[in-house]
Amino acid sequence: MQDKLFEFISKYISLTEEEKNTLLSLDLFHSVKKGDVLLKEGQKTLNSFFVLKGCIRVYYNINGEEKTTAFYTEMEGLTPHCAINKNQSEYYISCIEDSILVVSNDNMSIEVNKKFPKFDIMCRKLSEELLAKKQIDFDEFKTSSPEQRYLNLLQKRPDLIQRVPQHQLASYLGIKPQSLSRLRARILEKK
């Protein structure tokens, strides 16, 4: 798993052996089981998560109904809002599959960035990319119909169709599971 992490990092910066060893000494790699909840509404955390293997989901519980807002799979990272603003979380983060995550926090980042300033550059680039991607995703979601959202999902993240339970996919698309079934049937008829 460390090779996957180093390969990802190499897209942004090159690492020396000393830098690799420093990262490995931080105990970053965590195995989590399907169904494990990483963060609950009302909890606080300082942790950020980066998925090396598996899938995690972000969702809100609104009047007893789960509303999925995001899925994170291989080579995607998530820093919960509460890790930044030090407030309680407004949402849940859970594992959809057995996963291997890189779990870090501000203290680790400060230590590594102080010792190796180029990590700060990498983190800034990653943050900029993530912000731009999130804005595009949000705009697409707000301006498209449920059918367009599903077709976009098929095009951009087809793996989720097989990996995520239908009721969670439907929630992510902003529709009910029955509507997703009808939508899929309509799309198959058109082919």
N, C-alpha and C. Protein backbone atom coordinates (compact mmCIF):
# COMPACT_ATOMS: atom_id res chain seq x y z
N MET A 1 0.81 -1.20 0.00
CA MET A 1 0.00 0.00 0.00
C MET A 1 0.86 1.27 0.00
N GLN A 2 2.00 1.18 0.64
CA GLN A 2 2.85 2.37 0.68
C GLN A 2 3.31 2.75 -0.73
N ASP A 3 3.51 1.76 -1.61
CA ASP A 3 3.90 2.06 -2.98
C ASP A 3 2.82 2.86 -3.70
N LYS A 4 1.53 2.51 -3.46
CA LYS A 4 0.43 3.26 -4.06
C LYS A 4 0.45 4.71 -3.60
N LEU A 5 0.69 4.91 -2.30
CA LEU A 5 0.74 6.26 -1.76
C LEU A 5 1.90 7.04 -2.38
N PHE A 6 3.06 6.44 -2.42
CA PHE A 6 4.24 7.13 -2.97
C PHE A 6 4.06 7.43 -4.46
N GLU A 7 3.40 6.52 -5.17
CA GLU A 7 3.13 6.75 -6.60
C GLU A 7 2.21 7.96 -6.77
N PHE A 8 1.20 8.05 -5.93
CA PHE A 8 0.29 9.19 -5.98
C PHE A 8 1.03 10.49 -5.68
N ILE A 9 1.82 10.50 -4.63
CA ILE A 9 2.56 11.69 -4.23
C ILE A 9 3.52 12.13 -5.34
N SER A 10 4.09 11.15 -6.05
CA SER A 10 5.08 11.47 -7.10
C SER A 10 4.48 12.26 -8.25
N LYS A 11 3.15 12.31 -8.35
CA LYS A 11 2.50 13.14 -9.37
C LYS A 11 2.68 14.62 -9.04
N TYR A 12 2.98 14.91 -7.80
CA TYR A 12 3.08 16.29 -7.34
C TYR A 12 4.49 16.70 -6.93
N ILE A 13 5.18 15.82 -6.23
CA ILE A 13 6.54 16.11 -5.77
C ILE A 13 7.35 14.82 -5.78
N SER A 14 8.67 14.94 -5.84
CA SER A 14 9.51 13.74 -5.74
C SER A 14 9.95 13.59 -4.28
N LEU A 15 10.04 12.35 -3.84
CA LEU A 15 10.39 12.06 -2.45
C LEU A 15 11.78 11.44 -2.35
N THR A 16 12.50 11.87 -1.36
CA THR A 16 13.77 11.22 -1.03
C THR A 16 13.46 10.02 -0.14
N GLU A 17 14.43 9.16 0.06
CA GLU A 17 14.24 8.03 0.97
C GLU A 17 13.95 8.51 2.39
N GLU A 18 14.61 9.58 2.79
CA GLU A 18 14.38 10.14 4.14
C GLU A 18 12.93 10.59 4.30
N GLU A 19 12.39 11.24 3.26
CA GLU A 19 11.00 11.70 3.31
C GLU A 19 10.04 10.51 3.35
N LYS A 20 10.32 9.49 2.55
CA LYS A 20 9.48 8.29 2.58
C LYS A 20 9.50 7.65 3.96
N ASN A 21 10.69 7.53 4.54
CA ASN A 21 10.80 6.92 5.86
C ASN A 21 10.09 7.75 6.93
N THR A 22 10.15 9.06 6.79
CA THR A 22 9.44 9.93 7.74
C THR A 22 7.94 9.68 7.66
N LEU A 23 7.42 9.60 6.45
CA LEU A 23 5.99 9.32 6.28
C LEU A 23 5.62 7.96 6.86
N LEU A 24 6.43 6.96 6.59
CA LEU A 24 6.14 5.62 7.08
C LEU A 24 6.19 5.55 8.61
N SER A 25 6.98 6.41 9.22
CA SER A 25 7.11 6.38 10.69
C SER A 25 5.88 6.97 11.38
N LEU A 26 4.99 7.60 10.63
CA LEU A 26 3.84 8.27 11.23
C LEU A 26 2.64 7.34 11.49
N ASP A 27 2.73 6.09 11.15
CA ASP A 27 1.63 5.15 11.35
C ASP A 27 0.35 5.65 10.67
N LEU A 28 0.46 5.87 9.38
CA LEU A 28 -0.63 6.46 8.60
C LEU A 28 -1.66 5.45 8.11
N PHE A 29 -1.27 4.21 7.92
CA PHE A 29 -2.11 3.22 7.25
C PHE A 29 -3.06 2.54 8.24
N HIS A 30 -4.36 2.58 7.91
CA HIS A 30 -5.37 1.98 8.78
C HIS A 30 -6.31 1.12 7.96
N SER A 31 -6.53 -0.11 8.40
CA SER A 31 -7.52 -0.99 7.78
C SER A 31 -8.84 -0.81 8.51
N VAL A 32 -9.90 -0.61 7.74
CA VAL A 32 -11.23 -0.46 8.33
C VAL A 32 -12.19 -1.41 7.62
N LYS A 33 -13.18 -1.85 8.34
CA LYS A 33 -14.12 -2.84 7.82
C LYS A 33 -15.36 -2.18 7.22
N LYS A 34 -15.96 -2.89 6.30
CA LYS A 34 -17.24 -2.47 5.72
C LYS A 34 -18.21 -2.22 6.87
N GLY A 35 -18.88 -1.07 6.82
CA GLY A 35 -19.85 -0.74 7.86
C GLY A 35 -19.29 0.10 9.00
N ASP A 36 -17.96 0.15 9.12
CA ASP A 36 -17.36 0.97 10.18
C ASP A 36 -17.71 2.44 9.95
N VAL A 37 -18.03 3.12 11.04
CA VAL A 37 -18.32 4.56 10.97
C VAL A 37 -17.07 5.29 11.43
N LEU A 38 -16.54 6.13 10.56
CA LEU A 38 -15.33 6.88 10.85
C LEU A 38 -15.62 8.17 11.60
N LEU A 39 -16.82 8.71 11.38
CA LEU A 39 -17.22 9.96 12.02
C LEU A 39 -18.74 9.98 12.11
N LYS A 40 -19.24 10.40 13.28
CA LYS A 40 -20.69 10.52 13.47
C LYS A 40 -21.07 11.99 13.62
N GLU A 41 -22.31 12.26 13.28
CA GLU A 41 -22.85 13.60 13.52
C GLU A 41 -22.69 13.91 15.01
N GLY A 42 -22.22 15.11 15.30
CA GLY A 42 -22.04 15.53 16.69
C GLY A 42 -20.65 15.27 17.25
N GLN A 43 -19.86 14.43 16.57
CA GLN A 43 -18.49 14.16 17.02
C GLN A 43 -17.54 15.22 16.48
N LYS A 44 -16.39 15.27 17.10
CA LYS A 44 -15.30 16.10 16.60
C LYS A 44 -14.16 15.19 16.17
N THR A 45 -13.40 15.63 15.20
CA THR A 45 -12.21 14.90 14.78
C THR A 45 -11.19 15.87 14.23
N LEU A 46 -9.95 15.46 14.29
CA LEU A 46 -8.87 16.22 13.66
C LEU A 46 -8.35 15.47 12.45
N ASN A 47 -8.93 14.29 12.18
CA ASN A 47 -8.43 13.39 11.14
C ASN A 47 -8.90 13.76 9.74
N SER A 48 -7.99 13.53 8.79
CA SER A 48 -8.29 13.56 7.36
C SER A 48 -8.10 12.14 6.85
N PHE A 49 -8.81 11.79 5.79
CA PHE A 49 -8.78 10.43 5.26
C PHE A 49 -8.42 10.45 3.78
N PHE A 50 -7.55 9.53 3.40
CA PHE A 50 -7.19 9.35 2.00
C PHE A 50 -7.35 7.87 1.69
N VAL A 51 -8.15 7.54 0.68
CA VAL A 51 -8.49 6.15 0.37
C VAL A 51 -7.42 5.54 -0.53
N LEU A 52 -6.74 4.53 -0.02
CA LEU A 52 -5.80 3.75 -0.84
C LEU A 52 -6.53 2.60 -1.51
N LYS A 53 -7.49 2.02 -0.77
CA LYS A 53 -8.27 0.90 -1.29
C LYS A 53 -9.61 0.93 -0.60
N GLY A 54 -10.68 0.78 -1.38
CA GLY A 54 -12.01 0.74 -0.78
C GLY A 54 -12.86 1.93 -1.16
N CYS A 55 -13.92 2.12 -0.38
CA CYS A 55 -14.89 3.18 -0.65
C CYS A 55 -15.49 3.66 0.65
N ILE A 56 -15.52 4.98 0.83
CA ILE A 56 -16.19 5.57 1.99
C ILE A 56 -17.27 6.53 1.50
N ARG A 57 -18.22 6.78 2.37
CA ARG A 57 -19.40 7.58 2.00
C ARG A 57 -19.63 8.66 3.04
N VAL A 58 -20.05 9.83 2.58
CA VAL A 58 -20.46 10.92 3.45
C VAL A 58 -21.97 11.05 3.34
N TYR A 59 -22.63 11.12 4.51
CA TYR A 59 -24.08 11.28 4.47
C TYR A 59 -24.59 12.03 5.70
N TYR A 60 -25.73 12.65 5.52
CA TYR A 60 -26.44 13.35 6.59
C TYR A 60 -27.63 12.49 6.99
N ASN A 61 -28.05 12.61 8.24
CA ASN A 61 -29.26 11.97 8.70
C ASN A 61 -30.28 13.08 8.91
N ILE A 62 -31.24 13.15 8.00
CA ILE A 62 -32.24 14.21 8.05
C ILE A 62 -33.61 13.57 8.30
N ASN A 63 -34.14 13.85 9.48
CA ASN A 63 -35.43 13.27 9.89
C ASN A 63 -35.45 11.76 9.73
N GLY A 64 -34.37 11.10 10.12
CA GLY A 64 -34.29 9.65 10.06
C GLY A 64 -33.95 9.07 8.70
N GLU A 65 -33.77 9.92 7.71
CA GLU A 65 -33.44 9.46 6.36
C GLU A 65 -32.01 9.86 6.01
N GLU A 66 -31.24 8.88 5.51
CA GLU A 66 -29.86 9.16 5.12
C GLU A 66 -29.82 9.83 3.75
N LYS A 67 -29.08 10.94 3.69
CA LYS A 67 -28.91 11.68 2.44
C LYS A 67 -27.43 11.66 2.09
N THR A 68 -27.06 10.86 1.10
CA THR A 68 -25.66 10.71 0.69
C THR A 68 -25.23 11.90 -0.14
N THR A 69 -24.07 12.47 0.21
CA THR A 69 -23.57 13.62 -0.54
C THR A 69 -22.28 13.33 -1.29
N ALA A 70 -21.56 12.26 -0.92
CA ALA A 70 -20.30 11.99 -1.61
C ALA A 70 -19.83 10.57 -1.37
N PHE A 71 -19.09 10.06 -2.36
CA PHE A 71 -18.36 8.80 -2.24
C PHE A 71 -16.90 9.08 -2.53
N TYR A 72 -16.02 8.45 -1.79
CA TYR A 72 -14.58 8.59 -2.01
C TYR A 72 -14.01 7.20 -2.22
N THR A 73 -13.30 7.04 -3.33
CA THR A 73 -12.68 5.76 -3.66
C THR A 73 -11.18 5.96 -3.83
N GLU A 74 -10.53 4.97 -4.39
CA GLU A 74 -9.07 4.96 -4.49
C GLU A 74 -8.51 6.30 -4.97
N MET A 75 -7.49 6.74 -4.26
CA MET A 75 -6.71 7.96 -4.55
C MET A 75 -7.53 9.24 -4.41
N GLU A 76 -8.54 9.20 -3.53
CA GLU A 76 -9.31 10.40 -3.23
C GLU A 76 -9.24 10.65 -1.73
N GLY A 77 -9.20 11.92 -1.38
CA GLY A 77 -9.07 12.29 0.02
C GLY A 77 -10.21 13.17 0.50
N LEU A 78 -10.39 13.15 1.81
CA LEU A 78 -11.47 13.91 2.45
C LEU A 78 -10.97 14.47 3.77
N THR A 79 -11.12 15.76 3.93
CA THR A 79 -10.88 16.40 5.23
C THR A 79 -12.23 16.91 5.70
N PRO A 80 -12.79 16.30 6.74
CA PRO A 80 -14.10 16.76 7.23
C PRO A 80 -14.04 18.23 7.67
N HIS A 81 -15.14 18.94 7.47
CA HIS A 81 -15.20 20.35 7.86
C HIS A 81 -14.84 20.53 9.32
N CYS A 82 -15.29 19.61 10.16
CA CYS A 82 -15.06 19.76 11.60
C CYS A 82 -13.58 19.64 11.96
N ALA A 83 -12.78 19.02 11.10
CA ALA A 83 -11.34 18.94 11.36
C ALA A 83 -10.69 20.29 11.13
N ILE A 84 -11.33 21.12 10.33
CA ILE A 84 -10.79 22.45 10.03
C ILE A 84 -11.33 23.49 11.01
N ASN A 85 -12.66 23.49 11.20
CA ASN A 85 -13.25 24.53 12.04
C ASN A 85 -13.38 24.14 13.52
N LYS A 86 -12.99 22.92 13.85
CA LYS A 86 -12.97 22.42 15.24
C LYS A 86 -14.35 22.36 15.89
N ASN A 87 -15.41 22.37 15.06
CA ASN A 87 -16.77 22.22 15.57
C ASN A 87 -17.17 20.75 15.51
N GLN A 88 -18.40 20.47 15.93
CA GLN A 88 -18.92 19.12 15.82
C GLN A 88 -19.32 18.85 14.37
N SER A 89 -19.20 17.59 13.98
CA SER A 89 -19.56 17.21 12.62
C SER A 89 -21.06 17.30 12.43
N GLU A 90 -21.46 17.70 11.24
CA GLU A 90 -22.87 17.75 10.88
C GLU A 90 -23.28 16.50 10.10
N TYR A 91 -22.31 15.63 9.79
CA TYR A 91 -22.60 14.47 8.96
C TYR A 91 -21.82 13.25 9.44
N TYR A 92 -22.07 12.14 8.76
CA TYR A 92 -21.42 10.86 9.04
C TYR A 92 -20.46 10.52 7.91
N ILE A 93 -19.43 9.76 8.26
CA ILE A 93 -18.55 9.16 7.25
C ILE A 93 -18.46 7.69 7.60
N SER A 94 -18.79 6.82 6.65
CA SER A 94 -18.73 5.39 6.91
C SER A 94 -18.11 4.64 5.73
N CYS A 95 -17.72 3.41 5.99
CA CYS A 95 -17.07 2.57 4.97
C CYS A 95 -18.11 1.71 4.27
N ILE A 96 -18.11 1.76 2.97
CA ILE A 96 -19.01 0.92 2.17
C ILE A 96 -18.36 -0.42 1.89
N GLU A 97 -17.04 -0.44 1.88
CA GLU A 97 -16.26 -1.67 1.63
C GLU A 97 -15.16 -1.74 2.68
N ASP A 98 -14.59 -2.93 2.85
CA ASP A 98 -13.34 -3.02 3.60
C ASP A 98 -12.37 -2.09 2.92
N SER A 99 -11.68 -1.26 3.69
CA SER A 99 -10.85 -0.21 3.09
C SER A 99 -9.51 -0.10 3.78
N ILE A 100 -8.55 0.44 3.06
CA ILE A 100 -7.26 0.82 3.63
C ILE A 100 -7.14 2.32 3.42
N LEU A 101 -7.02 3.04 4.53
CA LEU A 101 -6.99 4.49 4.50
C LEU A 101 -5.68 5.01 5.03
N VAL A 102 -5.28 6.15 4.52
CA VAL A 102 -4.22 6.93 5.14
C VAL A 102 -4.96 7.93 6.03
N VAL A 103 -4.69 7.87 7.32
CA VAL A 103 -5.35 8.77 8.27
C VAL A 103 -4.29 9.69 8.84
N SER A 104 -4.51 10.98 8.64
CA SER A 104 -3.56 11.98 9.15
C SER A 104 -4.32 13.06 9.90
N ASN A 105 -3.57 13.92 10.55
CA ASN A 105 -4.20 15.04 11.26
C ASN A 105 -3.29 16.26 11.17
N ASP A 106 -3.77 17.39 11.68
CA ASP A 106 -3.02 18.64 11.62
C ASP A 106 -1.65 18.53 12.26
N ASN A 107 -1.57 17.84 13.39
CA ASN A 107 -0.28 17.73 14.09
C ASN A 107 0.76 17.03 13.21
N MET A 108 0.33 15.97 12.52
CA MET A 108 1.24 15.26 11.61
C MET A 108 1.65 16.18 10.47
N SER A 109 0.67 16.88 9.90
CA SER A 109 0.95 17.77 8.77
C SER A 109 1.94 18.86 9.15
N ILE A 110 1.73 19.45 10.31
CA ILE A 110 2.63 20.51 10.77
C ILE A 110 4.04 19.98 10.92
N GLU A 111 4.16 18.80 11.52
CA GLU A 111 5.47 18.18 11.73
C GLU A 111 6.17 17.90 10.39
N VAL A 112 5.45 17.29 9.46
CA VAL A 112 6.04 16.94 8.16
C VAL A 112 6.35 18.21 7.36
N ASN A 113 5.42 19.17 7.35
CA ASN A 113 5.63 20.41 6.58
C ASN A 113 6.79 21.23 7.12
N LYS A 114 6.99 21.19 8.43
CA LYS A 114 8.11 21.91 9.03
C LYS A 114 9.43 21.29 8.60
N LYS A 115 9.45 19.97 8.59
CA LYS A 115 10.68 19.25 8.24
C LYS A 115 10.92 19.26 6.73
N PHE A 116 9.83 19.16 5.95
CA PHE A 116 9.92 19.08 4.49
C PHE A 116 8.90 20.04 3.87
N PRO A 117 9.26 21.29 3.66
CA PRO A 117 8.31 22.30 3.17
C PRO A 117 7.62 21.95 1.84
N LYS A 118 8.22 21.10 1.04
CA LYS A 118 7.57 20.81 -0.25
C LYS A 118 6.25 20.06 -0.08
N PHE A 119 6.03 19.43 1.08
CA PHE A 119 4.75 18.77 1.32
C PHE A 119 3.63 19.81 1.40
N ASP A 120 3.95 20.98 1.91
CA ASP A 120 2.97 22.05 1.97
C ASP A 120 2.54 22.46 0.56
N ILE A 121 3.48 22.49 -0.36
CA ILE A 121 3.19 22.82 -1.76
C ILE A 121 2.26 21.77 -2.35
N MET A 122 2.57 20.49 -2.09
CA MET A 122 1.73 19.41 -2.59
C MET A 122 0.31 19.51 -2.02
N CYS A 123 0.20 19.76 -0.74
CA CYS A 123 -1.12 19.87 -0.10
C CYS A 123 -1.92 21.02 -0.69
N ARG A 124 -1.26 22.13 -0.97
CA ARG A 124 -1.95 23.27 -1.57
C ARG A 124 -2.46 22.90 -2.97
N LYS A 125 -1.63 22.24 -3.77
CA LYS A 125 -2.05 21.83 -5.12
C LYS A 125 -3.24 20.87 -5.05
N LEU A 126 -3.16 19.91 -4.13
CA LEU A 126 -4.26 18.96 -3.96
C LEU A 126 -5.54 19.68 -3.56
N SER A 127 -5.43 20.63 -2.65
CA SER A 127 -6.60 21.39 -2.19
C SER A 127 -7.22 22.18 -3.32
N GLU A 128 -6.37 22.80 -4.14
CA GLU A 128 -6.87 23.57 -5.27
C GLU A 128 -7.60 22.68 -6.27
N GLU A 129 -7.02 21.51 -6.56
CA GLU A 129 -7.66 20.57 -7.49
C GLU A 129 -9.00 20.09 -6.94
N LEU A 130 -9.02 19.75 -5.66
CA LEU A 130 -10.24 19.25 -5.04
C LEU A 130 -11.32 20.32 -5.03
N LEU A 131 -10.96 21.54 -4.71
CA LEU A 131 -11.94 22.63 -4.70
C LEU A 131 -12.53 22.84 -6.09
N ALA A 132 -11.70 22.85 -7.11
CA ALA A 132 -12.18 23.03 -8.48
C ALA A 132 -13.11 21.88 -8.89
N LYS A 133 -12.72 20.65 -8.56
CA LYS A 133 -13.54 19.48 -8.89
C LYS A 133 -14.89 19.54 -8.17
N LYS A 134 -14.87 19.89 -6.89
CA LYS A 134 -16.11 19.97 -6.12
C LYS A 134 -17.05 21.03 -6.69
N GLN A 135 -16.51 22.15 -7.14
CA GLN A 135 -17.34 23.21 -7.71
C GLN A 135 -17.98 22.74 -9.01
N ILE A 136 -17.22 22.07 -9.85
CA ILE A 136 -17.76 21.54 -11.10
C ILE A 136 -18.84 20.51 -10.81
N ASP A 137 -18.57 19.58 -9.88
CA ASP A 137 -19.55 18.56 -9.51
C ASP A 137 -20.84 19.20 -8.98
N PHE A 138 -20.69 20.20 -8.13
CA PHE A 138 -21.85 20.89 -7.55
C PHE A 138 -22.67 21.57 -8.65
N ASP A 139 -21.99 22.28 -9.53
CA ASP A 139 -22.68 22.97 -10.62
C ASP A 139 -23.41 21.97 -11.52
N GLU A 140 -22.75 20.87 -11.86
CA GLU A 140 -23.38 19.84 -12.68
C GLU A 140 -24.63 19.28 -12.01
N PHE A 141 -24.52 19.03 -10.71
CA PHE A 141 -25.64 18.46 -9.96
C PHE A 141 -26.83 19.43 -9.97
N LYS A 142 -26.55 20.69 -9.72
CA LYS A 142 -27.63 21.69 -9.63
C LYS A 142 -28.30 21.97 -10.96
N THR A 143 -27.58 21.77 -12.06
CA THR A 143 -28.13 22.14 -13.38
C THR A 143 -28.60 20.95 -14.20
N SER A 144 -28.59 19.76 -13.62
CA SER A 144 -28.96 18.58 -14.41
C SER A 144 -30.17 17.87 -13.82
N SER A 145 -30.84 17.12 -14.67
CA SER A 145 -31.99 16.30 -14.25
C SER A 145 -31.45 15.02 -13.60
N PRO A 146 -32.31 14.29 -12.89
CA PRO A 146 -31.87 13.01 -12.33
C PRO A 146 -31.31 12.05 -13.39
N GLU A 147 -31.91 12.04 -14.57
CA GLU A 147 -31.41 11.16 -15.63
C GLU A 147 -30.01 11.60 -16.07
N GLN A 148 -29.82 12.90 -16.22
CA GLN A 148 -28.49 13.41 -16.59
C GLN A 148 -27.46 13.10 -15.50
N ARG A 149 -27.88 13.20 -14.24
CA ARG A 149 -26.97 12.89 -13.13
C ARG A 149 -26.54 11.43 -13.20
N TYR A 150 -27.50 10.56 -13.48
CA TYR A 150 -27.18 9.13 -13.56
C TYR A 150 -26.25 8.86 -14.76
N LEU A 151 -26.54 9.47 -15.89
CA LEU A 151 -25.68 9.28 -17.07
C LEU A 151 -24.27 9.83 -16.82
N ASN A 152 -24.18 10.96 -16.12
CA ASN A 152 -22.87 11.50 -15.74
C ASN A 152 -22.12 10.53 -14.84
N LEU A 153 -22.85 9.93 -13.90
CA LEU A 153 -22.25 8.95 -13.00
C LEU A 153 -21.74 7.75 -13.79
N LEU A 154 -22.54 7.27 -14.74
CA LEU A 154 -22.11 6.15 -15.59
C LEU A 154 -20.85 6.49 -16.36
N GLN A 155 -20.75 7.74 -16.80
CA GLN A 155 -19.60 8.15 -17.60
C GLN A 155 -18.36 8.39 -16.73
N LYS A 156 -18.53 9.10 -15.63
CA LYS A 156 -17.38 9.54 -14.83
C LYS A 156 -16.99 8.59 -13.71
N ARG A 157 -17.95 7.86 -13.15
CA ARG A 157 -17.65 6.99 -12.01
C ARG A 157 -18.41 5.66 -12.13
N PRO A 158 -18.21 4.95 -13.23
CA PRO A 158 -18.98 3.72 -13.45
C PRO A 158 -18.75 2.66 -12.37
N ASP A 159 -17.60 2.69 -11.72
CA ASP A 159 -17.31 1.71 -10.67
C ASP A 159 -18.32 1.80 -9.53
N LEU A 160 -18.85 2.99 -9.27
CA LEU A 160 -19.79 3.15 -8.15
C LEU A 160 -21.07 2.34 -8.37
N ILE A 161 -21.46 2.15 -9.62
CA ILE A 161 -22.69 1.41 -9.93
C ILE A 161 -22.61 0.00 -9.35
N GLN A 162 -21.43 -0.61 -9.41
CA GLN A 162 -21.24 -1.97 -8.90
C GLN A 162 -20.89 -2.00 -7.41
N ARG A 163 -20.31 -0.95 -6.91
CA ARG A 163 -19.75 -0.95 -5.55
C ARG A 163 -20.71 -0.45 -4.47
N VAL A 164 -21.66 0.36 -4.87
CA VAL A 164 -22.51 1.06 -3.90
C VAL A 164 -23.93 0.52 -3.94
N PRO A 165 -24.54 0.27 -2.77
CA PRO A 165 -25.94 -0.19 -2.77
C PRO A 165 -26.87 0.81 -3.48
N GLN A 166 -27.88 0.29 -4.14
CA GLN A 166 -28.77 1.11 -4.95
C GLN A 166 -29.42 2.24 -4.15
N HIS A 167 -29.83 1.97 -2.90
CA HIS A 167 -30.51 3.02 -2.14
C HIS A 167 -29.55 4.18 -1.82
N GLN A 168 -28.26 3.89 -1.68
CA GLN A 168 -27.28 4.96 -1.44
C GLN A 168 -27.00 5.73 -2.73
N LEU A 169 -26.94 5.02 -3.84
CA LEU A 169 -26.78 5.70 -5.14
C LEU A 169 -27.96 6.62 -5.42
N ALA A 170 -29.16 6.13 -5.16
CA ALA A 170 -30.36 6.94 -5.38
C ALA A 170 -30.31 8.20 -4.53
N SER A 171 -29.95 8.05 -3.29
CA SER A 171 -29.84 9.20 -2.38
C SER A 171 -28.82 10.19 -2.91
N TYR A 172 -27.68 9.70 -3.38
CA TYR A 172 -26.63 10.54 -3.94
C TYR A 172 -27.13 11.32 -5.16
N LEU A 173 -27.98 10.69 -5.96
CA LEU A 173 -28.53 11.32 -7.15
C LEU A 173 -29.72 12.23 -6.84
N GLY A 174 -30.18 12.19 -5.58
CA GLY A 174 -31.28 13.05 -5.17
C GLY A 174 -32.65 12.50 -5.52
N ILE A 175 -32.74 11.16 -5.63
CA ILE A 175 -34.02 10.52 -5.97
C ILE A 175 -34.26 9.33 -5.04
N LYS A 176 -35.45 8.75 -5.13
CA LYS A 176 -35.81 7.56 -4.36
C LYS A 176 -35.32 6.30 -5.10
N PRO A 177 -35.07 5.21 -4.38
CA PRO A 177 -34.61 3.97 -5.04
C PRO A 177 -35.55 3.49 -6.15
N GLN A 178 -36.87 3.64 -5.96
CA GLN A 178 -37.83 3.22 -6.98
C GLN A 178 -37.64 4.05 -8.25
N SER A 179 -37.36 5.34 -8.07
CA SER A 179 -37.14 6.21 -9.23
C SER A 179 -35.87 5.81 -9.98
N LEU A 180 -34.86 5.41 -9.22
CA LEU A 180 -33.62 4.96 -9.86
C LEU A 180 -33.87 3.70 -10.68
N SER A 181 -34.67 2.78 -10.16
CA SER A 181 -35.00 1.56 -10.92
C SER A 181 -35.71 1.90 -12.22
N ARG A 182 -36.68 2.81 -12.15
CA ARG A 182 -37.42 3.22 -13.36
C ARG A 182 -36.48 3.92 -14.35
N LEU A 183 -35.62 4.76 -13.82
CA LEU A 183 -34.66 5.50 -14.64
C LEU A 183 -33.74 4.53 -15.40
N ARG A 184 -33.22 3.54 -14.67
CA ARG A 184 -32.35 2.53 -15.30
C ARG A 184 -33.11 1.80 -16.41
N ALA A 185 -34.35 1.43 -16.13
CA ALA A 185 -35.16 0.70 -17.12
C ALA A 185 -35.37 1.56 -18.38
N ARG A 186 -35.67 2.84 -18.17
CA ARG A 186 -35.86 3.75 -19.31
C ARG A 186 -34.59 3.85 -20.16
N ILE A 187 -33.46 3.96 -19.51
CA ILE A 187 -32.19 4.09 -20.22
C ILE A 187 -31.89 2.81 -21.00
N LEU A 188 -32.18 1.65 -20.41
CA LEU A 188 -31.97 0.39 -21.12
C LEU A 188 -32.89 0.28 -22.33
N GLU A 189 -34.13 0.76 -22.21
CA GLU A 189 -35.08 0.72 -23.33
C GLU A 189 -34.57 1.54 -24.52
N LYS A 190 -33.91 2.66 -24.22
CA LYS A 190 -33.43 3.56 -25.27
C LYS A 190 -32.27 2.96 -26.05
N LYS A 191 -31.57 2.01 -25.46
CA LYS A 191 -30.39 1.43 -26.14
C LYS A 191 -30.77 0.44 -27.20
